[in-house]
Amino acid sequence: PQPNEKFVVKVSGESTSYDVESGELFEFPRGRITLVWTDITPDYIGKEVVVTARDIEKMARDYANRLQIKSTYGSMVELSMNTTVFAKDSRYINRLIEVYVQREVNEKNQVAENTIQFIDQQLALIGDSLAFVESAMRDFRTKSNFSNLSGETERIFSRIEEKEAQRQVVQRQITYYEY
């Protein structure tokens, strides 16, 4: 915006005119606007600008009715609009695309955040489970005086640890699918 550029604004249906600075939020009884500097703004400096207040829900329905969406390839879509004011409606479509892309980014970030949170929870559970199994094995060996186990007993304990690891994998899968 160009600083200190003033415009005379008349709101349709009101008799009062207002001096409004470019980039300044202007509030009037039926709404609020900000005049934004564009390439056509110099044409309006020193002239009266008439602002028409419209019902936002009606305006949104009007845009939605004029917007045409055609699916093209995969996740791509083609947006078009019947218009008599190309500059305004192209800004609308561009802003619509920006909002849509931002929403998609936010949703993907949320999915990634949920996935990270899930993995962290599972890692914490695995760590606790491994610590418990190791402690139980130490206690068992100590209580049973198995400081030097035979080969067959060692294989049995190894198979028990292997089966416990497999059980934990299946349990994680069940938790994942429930999640």
N, C-alpha and C. Protein backbone atom coordinates (compact mmCIF):
# COMPACT_ATOMS: atom_id res chain seq x y z
N PRO A 1 0.82 -1.21 0.00
CA PRO A 1 0.00 0.00 0.00
C PRO A 1 0.86 1.26 0.00
N GLN A 2 0.41 2.24 -0.70
CA GLN A 2 1.10 3.53 -0.70
C GLN A 2 0.67 4.29 0.56
N PRO A 3 1.60 4.75 1.37
CA PRO A 3 1.25 5.42 2.62
C PRO A 3 0.57 6.76 2.38
N ASN A 4 -0.32 7.09 3.26
CA ASN A 4 -0.99 8.40 3.31
C ASN A 4 -1.82 8.73 2.08
N GLU A 5 -2.13 7.78 1.24
CA GLU A 5 -3.03 8.05 0.13
C GLU A 5 -4.45 7.97 0.68
N LYS A 6 -5.22 9.02 0.47
CA LYS A 6 -6.58 9.07 1.00
C LYS A 6 -7.58 8.95 -0.14
N PHE A 7 -8.68 8.32 0.16
CA PHE A 7 -9.77 8.14 -0.78
C PHE A 7 -11.04 8.64 -0.13
N VAL A 8 -11.92 9.16 -0.95
CA VAL A 8 -13.25 9.54 -0.46
C VAL A 8 -14.15 8.35 -0.72
N VAL A 9 -14.71 7.79 0.35
CA VAL A 9 -15.54 6.60 0.23
C VAL A 9 -16.97 6.94 0.60
N LYS A 10 -17.88 6.56 -0.28
CA LYS A 10 -19.31 6.72 -0.02
C LYS A 10 -19.91 5.32 0.00
N VAL A 11 -20.62 5.02 1.08
CA VAL A 11 -21.27 3.72 1.21
C VAL A 11 -22.66 3.84 0.61
N SER A 12 -22.99 2.92 -0.31
CA SER A 12 -24.31 3.00 -0.95
C SER A 12 -25.40 2.92 0.10
N GLY A 13 -26.40 3.77 -0.05
CA GLY A 13 -27.51 3.81 0.90
C GLY A 13 -27.28 4.79 2.04
N GLU A 14 -26.08 5.39 2.12
CA GLU A 14 -25.78 6.38 3.17
C GLU A 14 -25.49 7.73 2.50
N SER A 15 -25.76 8.79 3.22
CA SER A 15 -25.51 10.11 2.65
C SER A 15 -24.13 10.64 3.00
N THR A 16 -23.47 10.06 3.97
CA THR A 16 -22.17 10.54 4.45
C THR A 16 -21.04 9.95 3.61
N SER A 17 -20.02 10.78 3.36
CA SER A 17 -18.79 10.31 2.72
C SER A 17 -17.69 10.26 3.77
N TYR A 18 -16.72 9.37 3.57
CA TYR A 18 -15.65 9.19 4.55
C TYR A 18 -14.30 9.32 3.84
N ASP A 19 -13.33 9.91 4.57
CA ASP A 19 -11.96 9.92 4.08
C ASP A 19 -11.28 8.66 4.64
N VAL A 20 -10.78 7.82 3.73
CA VAL A 20 -10.18 6.55 4.13
C VAL A 20 -8.77 6.48 3.58
N GLU A 21 -7.83 6.07 4.43
CA GLU A 21 -6.44 5.94 4.02
C GLU A 21 -6.21 4.53 3.47
N SER A 22 -5.37 4.43 2.45
CA SER A 22 -5.03 3.14 1.87
C SER A 22 -4.40 2.23 2.92
N GLY A 23 -4.89 1.00 3.01
CA GLY A 23 -4.37 0.02 3.95
C GLY A 23 -4.98 0.11 5.33
N GLU A 24 -5.81 1.12 5.58
CA GLU A 24 -6.42 1.31 6.89
C GLU A 24 -7.76 0.56 6.96
N LEU A 25 -8.03 -0.09 8.10
CA LEU A 25 -9.32 -0.76 8.28
C LEU A 25 -10.37 0.30 8.51
N PHE A 26 -11.38 0.29 7.67
CA PHE A 26 -12.46 1.28 7.74
C PHE A 26 -13.73 0.55 8.16
N GLU A 27 -14.31 1.01 9.28
CA GLU A 27 -15.55 0.39 9.77
C GLU A 27 -16.70 1.36 9.56
N PHE A 28 -17.79 0.81 9.09
CA PHE A 28 -19.00 1.58 8.92
C PHE A 28 -20.15 0.73 9.46
N PRO A 29 -21.36 1.32 9.62
CA PRO A 29 -22.44 0.60 10.32
C PRO A 29 -22.75 -0.80 9.77
N ARG A 30 -22.57 -1.04 8.48
CA ARG A 30 -22.96 -2.34 7.90
C ARG A 30 -21.77 -3.25 7.62
N GLY A 31 -20.56 -2.88 8.06
CA GLY A 31 -19.43 -3.75 7.82
C GLY A 31 -18.11 -3.03 7.97
N ARG A 32 -17.07 -3.62 7.40
CA ARG A 32 -15.74 -3.02 7.45
C ARG A 32 -14.98 -3.45 6.20
N ILE A 33 -14.07 -2.57 5.76
CA ILE A 33 -13.27 -2.86 4.57
C ILE A 33 -11.86 -2.30 4.78
N THR A 34 -10.96 -2.78 3.96
CA THR A 34 -9.62 -2.21 3.87
C THR A 34 -9.36 -1.98 2.40
N LEU A 35 -9.02 -0.75 2.03
CA LEU A 35 -8.69 -0.46 0.65
C LEU A 35 -7.24 -0.87 0.41
N VAL A 36 -7.04 -1.72 -0.56
CA VAL A 36 -5.71 -2.27 -0.85
C VAL A 36 -5.19 -1.66 -2.14
N TRP A 37 -3.92 -1.27 -2.12
CA TRP A 37 -3.29 -0.66 -3.27
C TRP A 37 -3.07 -1.71 -4.36
N THR A 38 -3.54 -1.45 -5.57
CA THR A 38 -3.31 -2.33 -6.72
C THR A 38 -2.84 -1.48 -7.89
N ASP A 39 -2.65 -2.12 -9.02
CA ASP A 39 -2.16 -1.37 -10.19
C ASP A 39 -3.21 -0.39 -10.74
N ILE A 40 -4.49 -0.58 -10.40
CA ILE A 40 -5.50 0.37 -10.89
C ILE A 40 -5.84 1.44 -9.86
N THR A 41 -5.27 1.37 -8.65
CA THR A 41 -5.57 2.33 -7.58
C THR A 41 -5.31 3.78 -7.99
N PRO A 42 -4.21 4.09 -8.68
CA PRO A 42 -3.96 5.50 -9.03
C PRO A 42 -5.12 6.15 -9.79
N ASP A 43 -5.90 5.35 -10.51
CA ASP A 43 -7.04 5.90 -11.26
C ASP A 43 -8.11 6.45 -10.32
N TYR A 44 -8.12 6.03 -9.04
CA TYR A 44 -9.17 6.43 -8.11
C TYR A 44 -8.73 7.47 -7.10
N ILE A 45 -7.47 7.87 -7.10
CA ILE A 45 -7.00 8.88 -6.16
C ILE A 45 -7.70 10.19 -6.45
N GLY A 46 -8.28 10.79 -5.40
CA GLY A 46 -8.98 12.06 -5.53
C GLY A 46 -10.40 11.91 -6.04
N LYS A 47 -10.84 10.71 -6.36
CA LYS A 47 -12.21 10.48 -6.84
C LYS A 47 -13.02 9.80 -5.74
N GLU A 48 -14.31 9.92 -5.86
CA GLU A 48 -15.20 9.27 -4.91
C GLU A 48 -15.33 7.78 -5.25
N VAL A 49 -15.14 6.93 -4.26
CA VAL A 49 -15.27 5.49 -4.43
C VAL A 49 -16.55 5.07 -3.73
N VAL A 50 -17.45 4.40 -4.46
CA VAL A 50 -18.71 3.95 -3.88
C VAL A 50 -18.56 2.48 -3.48
N VAL A 51 -18.88 2.20 -2.21
CA VAL A 51 -18.79 0.84 -1.68
C VAL A 51 -20.20 0.35 -1.44
N THR A 52 -20.49 -0.85 -1.95
CA THR A 52 -21.80 -1.46 -1.75
C THR A 52 -21.64 -2.59 -0.74
N ALA A 53 -22.40 -2.50 0.34
CA ALA A 53 -22.36 -3.55 1.37
C ALA A 53 -23.32 -4.66 0.95
N ARG A 54 -22.81 -5.89 0.94
CA ARG A 54 -23.65 -7.04 0.56
C ARG A 54 -23.66 -8.04 1.70
N ASP A 55 -24.70 -8.81 1.78
CA ASP A 55 -24.80 -9.88 2.76
C ASP A 55 -23.76 -10.94 2.42
N ILE A 56 -22.91 -11.26 3.38
CA ILE A 56 -21.78 -12.15 3.10
C ILE A 56 -22.24 -13.57 2.74
N GLU A 57 -23.31 -14.06 3.36
CA GLU A 57 -23.80 -15.41 3.03
C GLU A 57 -24.36 -15.45 1.61
N LYS A 58 -25.08 -14.40 1.23
CA LYS A 58 -25.62 -14.33 -0.13
C LYS A 58 -24.48 -14.24 -1.15
N MET A 59 -23.46 -13.45 -0.82
CA MET A 59 -22.32 -13.30 -1.71
C MET A 59 -21.58 -14.63 -1.85
N ALA A 60 -21.42 -15.36 -0.74
CA ALA A 60 -20.74 -16.66 -0.78
C ALA A 60 -21.53 -17.63 -1.66
N ARG A 61 -22.85 -17.63 -1.52
CA ARG A 61 -23.68 -18.50 -2.38
C ARG A 61 -23.55 -18.11 -3.85
N ASP A 62 -23.47 -16.81 -4.12
CA ASP A 62 -23.32 -16.34 -5.49
C ASP A 62 -22.00 -16.85 -6.09
N TYR A 63 -20.91 -16.70 -5.33
CA TYR A 63 -19.61 -17.20 -5.81
C TYR A 63 -19.66 -18.71 -6.01
N ALA A 64 -20.25 -19.42 -5.05
CA ALA A 64 -20.31 -20.89 -5.14
C ALA A 64 -21.13 -21.31 -6.36
N ASN A 65 -22.20 -20.60 -6.67
CA ASN A 65 -23.03 -20.94 -7.84
C ASN A 65 -22.30 -20.68 -9.15
N ARG A 66 -21.43 -19.66 -9.16
CA ARG A 66 -20.72 -19.33 -10.40
C ARG A 66 -19.44 -20.14 -10.59
N LEU A 67 -18.94 -20.72 -9.49
CA LEU A 67 -17.70 -21.49 -9.56
C LEU A 67 -17.98 -22.85 -10.19
N GLN A 68 -17.15 -23.20 -11.17
CA GLN A 68 -17.27 -24.50 -11.83
C GLN A 68 -16.00 -25.29 -11.56
N ILE A 69 -16.19 -26.52 -11.09
CA ILE A 69 -15.06 -27.38 -10.74
C ILE A 69 -15.13 -28.62 -11.60
N LYS A 70 -14.04 -28.89 -12.31
CA LYS A 70 -13.97 -30.06 -13.17
C LYS A 70 -12.74 -30.87 -12.78
N SER A 71 -12.95 -32.16 -12.52
CA SER A 71 -11.83 -33.03 -12.18
C SER A 71 -11.06 -33.34 -13.45
N THR A 72 -9.73 -33.27 -13.35
CA THR A 72 -8.90 -33.56 -14.52
C THR A 72 -8.12 -34.85 -14.28
N TYR A 73 -6.85 -34.76 -13.99
CA TYR A 73 -6.01 -35.94 -13.82
C TYR A 73 -5.73 -36.18 -12.34
N GLY A 74 -6.07 -37.35 -11.85
CA GLY A 74 -5.76 -37.72 -10.48
C GLY A 74 -6.35 -36.75 -9.48
N SER A 75 -5.49 -36.09 -8.74
CA SER A 75 -5.96 -35.17 -7.71
C SER A 75 -6.04 -33.73 -8.20
N MET A 76 -5.85 -33.51 -9.48
CA MET A 76 -5.90 -32.15 -10.03
C MET A 76 -7.33 -31.79 -10.40
N VAL A 77 -7.67 -30.52 -10.23
CA VAL A 77 -8.98 -30.02 -10.64
C VAL A 77 -8.80 -28.74 -11.45
N GLU A 78 -9.79 -28.46 -12.24
CA GLU A 78 -9.81 -27.23 -13.03
C GLU A 78 -10.93 -26.35 -12.47
N LEU A 79 -10.57 -25.12 -12.10
CA LEU A 79 -11.55 -24.18 -11.58
C LEU A 79 -11.81 -23.11 -12.63
N SER A 80 -13.08 -22.77 -12.81
CA SER A 80 -13.42 -21.68 -13.73
C SER A 80 -14.65 -20.97 -13.17
N MET A 81 -14.89 -19.77 -13.71
CA MET A 81 -16.00 -18.97 -13.21
C MET A 81 -16.49 -18.06 -14.33
N ASN A 82 -17.80 -18.00 -14.49
CA ASN A 82 -18.38 -17.02 -15.41
C ASN A 82 -18.29 -15.67 -14.71
N THR A 83 -17.72 -14.68 -15.39
CA THR A 83 -17.48 -13.41 -14.73
C THR A 83 -17.59 -12.24 -15.70
N THR A 84 -17.91 -11.10 -15.13
CA THR A 84 -17.84 -9.85 -15.88
C THR A 84 -16.74 -8.96 -15.32
N VAL A 85 -16.21 -9.33 -14.14
CA VAL A 85 -15.13 -8.59 -13.50
C VAL A 85 -13.98 -9.56 -13.29
N PHE A 86 -13.18 -9.73 -14.33
CA PHE A 86 -12.13 -10.74 -14.33
C PHE A 86 -11.14 -10.56 -13.18
N ALA A 87 -10.66 -9.35 -12.95
CA ALA A 87 -9.63 -9.12 -11.92
C ALA A 87 -10.14 -9.54 -10.54
N LYS A 88 -11.37 -9.17 -10.21
CA LYS A 88 -11.92 -9.49 -8.89
C LYS A 88 -12.12 -11.00 -8.74
N ASP A 89 -12.70 -11.63 -9.74
CA ASP A 89 -13.00 -13.05 -9.63
C ASP A 89 -11.74 -13.90 -9.73
N SER A 90 -10.72 -13.45 -10.46
CA SER A 90 -9.47 -14.22 -10.49
C SER A 90 -8.78 -14.14 -9.13
N ARG A 91 -8.89 -12.98 -8.44
CA ARG A 91 -8.36 -12.88 -7.08
C ARG A 91 -9.10 -13.84 -6.15
N TYR A 92 -10.41 -13.95 -6.35
CA TYR A 92 -11.22 -14.88 -5.53
C TYR A 92 -10.73 -16.31 -5.74
N ILE A 93 -10.56 -16.72 -6.99
CA ILE A 93 -10.13 -18.09 -7.27
C ILE A 93 -8.72 -18.33 -6.72
N ASN A 94 -7.82 -17.37 -6.90
CA ASN A 94 -6.46 -17.52 -6.36
C ASN A 94 -6.48 -17.65 -4.84
N ARG A 95 -7.30 -16.85 -4.17
CA ARG A 95 -7.40 -16.92 -2.71
C ARG A 95 -8.03 -18.25 -2.29
N LEU A 96 -9.01 -18.72 -3.03
CA LEU A 96 -9.64 -20.01 -2.75
C LEU A 96 -8.59 -21.12 -2.82
N ILE A 97 -7.74 -21.07 -3.82
CA ILE A 97 -6.68 -22.07 -3.98
C ILE A 97 -5.70 -21.98 -2.81
N GLU A 98 -5.31 -20.76 -2.42
CA GLU A 98 -4.39 -20.58 -1.28
C GLU A 98 -4.97 -21.20 -0.01
N VAL A 99 -6.25 -20.93 0.25
CA VAL A 99 -6.90 -21.46 1.45
C VAL A 99 -6.97 -22.98 1.38
N TYR A 100 -7.30 -23.52 0.23
CA TYR A 100 -7.38 -24.97 0.06
C TYR A 100 -6.02 -25.62 0.28
N VAL A 101 -4.98 -25.07 -0.32
CA VAL A 101 -3.64 -25.63 -0.17
C VAL A 101 -3.21 -25.56 1.29
N GLN A 102 -3.48 -24.45 1.97
CA GLN A 102 -3.11 -24.31 3.38
C GLN A 102 -3.86 -25.34 4.23
N ARG A 103 -5.14 -25.57 3.91
CA ARG A 103 -5.92 -26.57 4.64
C ARG A 103 -5.32 -27.96 4.45
N GLU A 104 -4.92 -28.27 3.22
CA GLU A 104 -4.31 -29.57 2.95
C GLU A 104 -2.99 -29.72 3.71
N VAL A 105 -2.19 -28.67 3.73
CA VAL A 105 -0.92 -28.70 4.47
C VAL A 105 -1.19 -28.92 5.95
N ASN A 106 -2.18 -28.21 6.50
CA ASN A 106 -2.52 -28.36 7.91
C ASN A 106 -2.98 -29.78 8.22
N GLU A 107 -3.80 -30.36 7.34
CA GLU A 107 -4.28 -31.72 7.55
C GLU A 107 -3.11 -32.72 7.49
N LYS A 108 -2.22 -32.55 6.53
CA LYS A 108 -1.07 -33.46 6.43
C LYS A 108 -0.15 -33.31 7.63
N ASN A 109 0.04 -32.08 8.11
CA ASN A 109 0.84 -31.87 9.31
C ASN A 109 0.20 -32.54 10.52
N GLN A 110 -1.13 -32.47 10.61
CA GLN A 110 -1.83 -33.11 11.72
C GLN A 110 -1.67 -34.63 11.66
N VAL A 111 -1.78 -35.20 10.46
CA VAL A 111 -1.58 -36.65 10.29
C VAL A 111 -0.16 -37.02 10.69
N ALA A 112 0.81 -36.24 10.25
CA ALA A 112 2.21 -36.51 10.60
C ALA A 112 2.42 -36.40 12.11
N GLU A 113 1.83 -35.39 12.72
CA GLU A 113 1.94 -35.21 14.17
C GLU A 113 1.32 -36.39 14.91
N ASN A 114 0.16 -36.84 14.45
CA ASN A 114 -0.50 -38.00 15.08
C ASN A 114 0.36 -39.26 14.92
N THR A 115 0.97 -39.42 13.74
CA THR A 115 1.82 -40.58 13.50
C THR A 115 3.04 -40.55 14.42
N ILE A 116 3.66 -39.41 14.55
CA ILE A 116 4.83 -39.27 15.43
C ILE A 116 4.43 -39.57 16.87
N GLN A 117 3.29 -39.05 17.27
CA GLN A 117 2.80 -39.29 18.64
C GLN A 117 2.55 -40.78 18.86
N PHE A 118 1.96 -41.45 17.89
CA PHE A 118 1.69 -42.88 17.98
C PHE A 118 2.99 -43.66 18.09
N ILE A 119 3.96 -43.34 17.23
CA ILE A 119 5.25 -44.04 17.25
C ILE A 119 5.95 -43.82 18.59
N ASP A 120 5.91 -42.58 19.10
CA ASP A 120 6.52 -42.30 20.40
C ASP A 120 5.88 -43.13 21.51
N GLN A 121 4.55 -43.24 21.47
CA GLN A 121 3.85 -44.06 22.47
C GLN A 121 4.28 -45.52 22.37
N GLN A 122 4.36 -46.01 21.14
CA GLN A 122 4.73 -47.41 20.95
C GLN A 122 6.17 -47.66 21.41
N LEU A 123 7.08 -46.73 21.11
CA LEU A 123 8.47 -46.88 21.55
C LEU A 123 8.56 -46.88 23.07
N ALA A 124 7.77 -46.03 23.72
CA ALA A 124 7.76 -46.00 25.18
C ALA A 124 7.25 -47.34 25.73
N LEU A 125 6.20 -47.89 25.12
CA LEU A 125 5.67 -49.18 25.56
C LEU A 125 6.68 -50.30 25.36
N ILE A 126 7.36 -50.29 24.22
CA ILE A 126 8.36 -51.31 23.93
C ILE A 126 9.51 -51.23 24.93
N GLY A 127 9.95 -50.00 25.20
CA GLY A 127 11.03 -49.81 26.16
C GLY A 127 10.64 -50.33 27.54
N ASP A 128 9.43 -50.00 27.99
CA ASP A 128 8.95 -50.49 29.28
C ASP A 128 8.85 -52.01 29.28
N SER A 129 8.34 -52.56 28.19
CA SER A 129 8.16 -54.01 28.09
C SER A 129 9.51 -54.72 28.11
N LEU A 130 10.48 -54.21 27.36
CA LEU A 130 11.80 -54.82 27.34
C LEU A 130 12.47 -54.75 28.71
N ALA A 131 12.33 -53.62 29.35
CA ALA A 131 12.92 -53.48 30.68
C ALA A 131 12.27 -54.47 31.64
N PHE A 132 10.96 -54.67 31.54
CA PHE A 132 10.26 -55.62 32.40
C PHE A 132 10.73 -57.04 32.15
N VAL A 133 10.84 -57.43 30.86
CA VAL A 133 11.27 -58.79 30.52
C VAL A 133 12.70 -59.04 31.00
N GLU A 134 13.59 -58.08 30.79
CA GLU A 134 14.97 -58.23 31.24
C GLU A 134 15.03 -58.39 32.76
N SER A 135 14.25 -57.59 33.45
CA SER A 135 14.22 -57.67 34.91
C SER A 135 13.68 -59.03 35.37
N ALA A 136 12.62 -59.50 34.71
CA ALA A 136 12.03 -60.79 35.06
C ALA A 136 13.03 -61.92 34.81
N MET A 137 13.77 -61.84 33.70
CA MET A 137 14.76 -62.88 33.40
C MET A 137 15.87 -62.88 34.46
N ARG A 138 16.35 -61.70 34.84
CA ARG A 138 17.39 -61.62 35.87
C ARG A 138 16.89 -62.20 37.18
N ASP A 139 15.65 -61.81 37.54
CA ASP A 139 15.08 -62.33 38.79
C ASP A 139 14.95 -63.85 38.74
N PHE A 140 14.48 -64.36 37.62
CA PHE A 140 14.29 -65.80 37.48
C PHE A 140 15.63 -66.53 37.60
N ARG A 141 16.64 -66.01 36.91
CA ARG A 141 17.96 -66.65 36.94
C ARG A 141 18.54 -66.60 38.36
N THR A 142 18.33 -65.47 39.02
CA THR A 142 18.86 -65.33 40.38
C THR A 142 18.15 -66.29 41.34
N LYS A 143 16.81 -66.32 41.27
CA LYS A 143 16.04 -67.17 42.17
C LYS A 143 16.26 -68.65 41.89
N SER A 144 16.48 -68.99 40.68
CA SER A 144 16.64 -70.40 40.30
C SER A 144 18.08 -70.86 40.32
N ASN A 145 18.99 -69.99 40.69
CA ASN A 145 20.42 -70.31 40.71
C ASN A 145 20.92 -70.84 39.37
N PHE A 146 20.47 -70.22 38.31
CA PHE A 146 20.91 -70.62 36.98
C PHE A 146 21.98 -69.65 36.51
N SER A 147 23.07 -69.65 37.13
CA SER A 147 24.13 -68.75 36.69
C SER A 147 24.85 -69.32 35.49
N ASN A 148 24.83 -70.63 35.35
CA ASN A 148 25.49 -71.25 34.20
C ASN A 148 24.52 -72.27 33.61
N LEU A 149 23.70 -71.83 32.71
CA LEU A 149 22.66 -72.69 32.15
C LEU A 149 23.23 -73.65 31.12
N SER A 150 22.56 -74.79 31.04
CA SER A 150 22.97 -75.75 30.01
C SER A 150 22.55 -75.23 28.65
N GLY A 151 23.06 -75.81 27.59
CA GLY A 151 22.76 -75.39 26.23
C GLY A 151 21.27 -75.49 25.91
N GLU A 152 20.63 -76.58 26.34
CA GLU A 152 19.20 -76.76 26.06
C GLU A 152 18.36 -75.70 26.78
N THR A 153 18.68 -75.42 28.00
CA THR A 153 17.95 -74.41 28.78
C THR A 153 18.17 -73.03 28.16
N GLU A 154 19.37 -72.78 27.73
CA GLU A 154 19.68 -71.49 27.09
C GLU A 154 18.85 -71.31 25.82
N ARG A 155 18.71 -72.39 25.03
CA ARG A 155 17.88 -72.32 23.81
C ARG A 155 16.42 -72.08 24.16
N ILE A 156 15.94 -72.69 25.23
CA ILE A 156 14.55 -72.49 25.65
C ILE A 156 14.32 -71.03 26.01
N PHE A 157 15.25 -70.46 26.80
CA PHE A 157 15.10 -69.05 27.16
C PHE A 157 15.18 -68.16 25.93
N SER A 158 16.02 -68.52 25.00
CA SER A 158 16.14 -67.75 23.77
C SER A 158 14.82 -67.79 22.99
N ARG A 159 14.19 -68.98 22.93
CA ARG A 159 12.90 -69.11 22.22
C ARG A 159 11.81 -68.33 22.94
N ILE A 160 11.85 -68.35 24.27
CA ILE A 160 10.86 -67.58 25.04
C ILE A 160 11.01 -66.09 24.72
N GLU A 161 12.23 -65.59 24.68
CA GLU A 161 12.47 -64.18 24.35
C GLU A 161 12.01 -63.87 22.93
N GLU A 162 12.26 -64.80 22.01
CA GLU A 162 11.85 -64.63 20.61
C GLU A 162 10.32 -64.55 20.51
N LYS A 163 9.64 -65.48 21.22
CA LYS A 163 8.17 -65.50 21.18
C LYS A 163 7.60 -64.23 21.82
N GLU A 164 8.24 -63.76 22.87
CA GLU A 164 7.80 -62.53 23.52
C GLU A 164 7.94 -61.34 22.56
N ALA A 165 9.02 -61.30 21.82
CA ALA A 165 9.22 -60.23 20.83
C ALA A 165 8.16 -60.30 19.74
N GLN A 166 7.83 -61.52 19.27
CA GLN A 166 6.79 -61.68 18.26
C GLN A 166 5.43 -61.24 18.80
N ARG A 167 5.16 -61.61 20.07
CA ARG A 167 3.89 -61.21 20.69
C ARG A 167 3.79 -59.68 20.74
N GLN A 168 4.88 -59.03 21.05
CA GLN A 168 4.88 -57.57 21.14
C GLN A 168 4.65 -56.95 19.76
N VAL A 169 5.20 -57.54 18.72
CA VAL A 169 4.99 -57.03 17.35
C VAL A 169 3.51 -57.13 17.00
N VAL A 170 2.91 -58.29 17.30
CA VAL A 170 1.48 -58.47 17.01
C VAL A 170 0.65 -57.50 17.84
N GLN A 171 1.02 -57.31 19.09
CA GLN A 171 0.28 -56.38 19.95
C GLN A 171 0.38 -54.96 19.42
N ARG A 172 1.56 -54.57 18.92
CA ARG A 172 1.72 -53.23 18.33
C ARG A 172 0.85 -53.08 17.10
N GLN A 173 0.77 -54.14 16.29
CA GLN A 173 -0.08 -54.08 15.09
C GLN A 173 -1.53 -53.93 15.48
N ILE A 174 -1.97 -54.67 16.49
CA ILE A 174 -3.35 -54.56 16.96
C ILE A 174 -3.61 -53.13 17.45
N THR A 175 -2.69 -52.60 18.24
CA THR A 175 -2.85 -51.22 18.74
C THR A 175 -2.88 -50.23 17.60
N TYR A 176 -2.03 -50.44 16.60
CA TYR A 176 -2.00 -49.54 15.43
C TYR A 176 -3.34 -49.54 14.73
N TYR A 177 -3.89 -50.72 14.49
CA TYR A 177 -5.17 -50.79 13.77
C TYR A 177 -6.31 -50.24 14.60
N GLU A 178 -6.25 -50.45 15.90
CA GLU A 178 -7.27 -49.84 16.77
C GLU A 178 -7.15 -48.33 16.76
N TYR A 179 -5.91 -47.84 16.72
CA TYR A 179 -5.67 -46.40 16.70
C TYR A 179 -6.22 -45.80 15.43
